[in-house]
Amino acid sequence: MQCAKCSGTLQSLHVNDIVIDRCDQCEGIWFDRQELTQILRADQAHALEERAHSGSFSASRADSRPGRCPRCSVALERVASLLVSDIGYDTCPDCLGVWLDKGELGELSSDPDAAAVVSFFTDF
């Protein structure tokens, strides 16, 4: 699959029984519907963050480029947390997948309120 934000290719990354997709260039991560919720509930976000990002995994600014869903090519929508400022993510309105730019997983996993927001919007 092609990256949602750049010209990179998504590579499969296994975390327990979940297969997520990470861009080999920008290191963004694609989660199919409910995969992010499963990662957050299983408390595997920190381990995934370490595996997914080479070198330092400190948060970077969100990639402001418009993205397209790697699964269905629909334009992604940026969702900002109402509970926590500066935390957001991109989601596909059709397949309900979630795109996180490099560093956003660490931000979400470190704040229980932000994780609850993601769970609410992806657990249909």
Protein backbone atom coordinates (compact mmCIF):
# COMPACT_ATOMS: atom_id res chain seq x y z
CA MET A 1 0.00 0.00 0.00
CA GLN A 2 1.04 3.58 -0.58
CA CYS A 3 1.56 5.99 2.31
CA ALA A 4 -1.34 8.29 3.17
CA LYS A 5 0.93 11.35 3.27
CA CYS A 6 4.08 10.83 1.18
CA SER A 7 5.44 8.69 -1.64
CA GLY A 8 6.58 5.94 0.73
CA THR A 9 5.41 2.35 0.88
CA LEU A 10 3.62 0.90 3.89
CA GLN A 11 5.38 -2.07 5.45
CA SER A 12 3.60 -4.59 7.70
CA LEU A 13 4.54 -4.54 11.37
CA HIS A 14 3.27 -7.26 13.73
CA VAL A 15 2.31 -6.37 17.30
CA ASN A 16 0.97 -9.42 19.09
CA ASP A 17 -1.90 -10.58 16.85
CA ILE A 18 -2.35 -7.21 15.17
CA VAL A 19 -0.77 -6.26 11.85
CA ILE A 20 -0.38 -2.52 11.31
CA ASP A 21 1.26 -0.68 8.44
CA ARG A 22 4.17 1.77 8.78
CA CYS A 23 5.56 4.07 6.11
CA ASP A 24 9.18 3.35 5.25
CA GLN A 25 9.84 7.08 4.66
CA CYS A 26 7.82 9.38 6.94
CA GLU A 27 7.23 6.66 9.59
CA GLY A 28 3.52 7.40 9.84
CA ILE A 29 1.34 4.48 10.92
CA TRP A 30 -1.92 3.21 9.39
CA PHE A 31 -4.39 1.34 11.59
CA ASP A 32 -7.34 -0.46 10.05
CA ARG A 33 -10.67 -0.08 11.84
CA GLN A 34 -10.35 -0.79 15.59
CA GLU A 35 -6.65 -1.76 15.44
CA LEU A 36 -5.57 1.42 17.25
CA THR A 37 -8.15 0.78 19.97
CA GLN A 38 -6.83 -2.76 20.38
CA ILE A 39 -3.24 -1.49 20.67
CA LEU A 40 -4.20 1.15 23.25
CA ARG A 41 -6.32 -1.27 25.30
CA ALA A 42 -3.58 -3.90 25.31
CA ASP A 43 -1.14 -1.24 26.55
CA GLN A 44 1.14 -1.96 23.59
CA ALA A 45 1.45 1.59 22.30
CA HIS A 46 4.86 2.29 23.85
CA ALA A 47 6.34 -0.96 22.51
CA LEU A 48 4.90 -0.22 19.05
CA GLU A 49 6.23 3.34 19.13
CA GLU A 50 9.74 2.03 19.86
CA ARG A 51 9.58 -0.51 17.04
CA ALA A 52 7.94 1.77 14.49
CA HIS A 53 10.29 4.72 14.68
CA SER A 54 14.01 4.61 14.15
CA GLY A 55 16.14 6.66 16.51
CA SER A 56 14.35 9.06 18.80
CA PHE A 57 10.61 8.68 18.92
CA SER A 58 9.88 12.15 20.22
CA ALA A 59 6.76 13.72 18.82
CA SER A 60 7.01 15.72 15.65
CA ARG A 61 4.55 18.26 14.35
CA ALA A 62 1.58 16.73 12.64
CA ASP A 63 1.99 16.46 8.91
CA SER A 64 -0.36 19.13 7.58
CA ARG A 65 -0.45 17.71 4.06
CA PRO A 66 -3.86 16.35 3.10
CA GLY A 67 -3.79 12.58 3.07
CA ARG A 68 -5.64 9.81 1.30
CA CYS A 69 -6.73 6.53 2.82
CA PRO A 70 -4.25 3.78 1.90
CA ARG A 71 -7.14 1.28 1.73
CA CYS A 72 -9.85 3.08 -0.23
CA SER A 73 -8.20 6.34 -1.46
CA VAL A 74 -10.81 8.58 0.18
CA ALA A 75 -9.57 11.92 1.53
CA LEU A 76 -8.64 11.63 5.20
CA GLU A 77 -10.23 13.97 7.72
CA ARG A 78 -8.21 15.57 10.52
CA VAL A 79 -9.78 15.06 13.94
CA ALA A 80 -8.60 17.19 16.85
CA SER A 81 -9.12 16.06 20.42
CA LEU A 82 -11.68 18.15 22.25
CA LEU A 83 -10.20 17.10 25.59
CA VAL A 84 -6.50 17.61 24.99
CA SER A 85 -4.98 20.39 22.90
CA ASP A 86 -2.36 19.56 20.28
CA ILE A 87 -3.43 15.93 19.98
CA GLY A 88 -5.16 14.81 16.82
CA TYR A 89 -5.18 12.18 14.12
CA ASP A 90 -6.43 11.56 10.59
CA THR A 91 -9.30 9.20 9.91
CA CYS A 92 -11.02 7.76 6.86
CA PRO A 93 -14.75 8.54 6.86
CA ASP A 94 -15.48 5.41 4.79
CA CYS A 95 -13.46 2.52 6.25
CA LEU A 96 -12.85 4.18 9.67
CA GLY A 97 -9.11 3.53 9.57
CA VAL A 98 -6.78 5.87 11.46
CA TRP A 99 -3.54 7.50 10.28
CA LEU A 100 -1.04 8.74 12.85
CA ASP A 101 1.91 10.88 11.86
CA LYS A 102 5.26 10.08 13.47
CA GLY A 103 5.06 10.78 17.21
CA GLU A 104 1.27 10.98 17.48
CA LEU A 105 0.95 7.45 18.87
CA GLY A 106 3.15 8.41 21.82
CA GLU A 107 1.00 11.48 22.46
CA LEU A 108 -2.23 9.47 22.38
CA SER A 109 -0.93 6.63 24.52
CA SER A 110 0.37 8.98 27.21
CA ASP A 111 -3.02 10.64 27.69
CA PRO A 112 -5.96 8.45 28.75
CA ASP A 113 -8.52 11.08 27.72
CA ALA A 114 -7.12 11.26 24.19
CA ALA A 115 -7.11 7.46 23.93
CA ALA A 116 -10.76 7.46 25.01
CA VAL A 117 -11.62 9.92 22.23
CA VAL A 118 -9.99 7.69 19.61
CA SER A 119 -11.80 4.64 20.99
CA PHE A 120 -15.13 6.46 20.86
CA PHE A 121 -14.76 7.44 17.20
CA THR A 122 -13.41 4.10 15.98
CA ASP A 123 -15.56 1.58 17.89
CA PHE A 124 -18.71 1.72 15.76
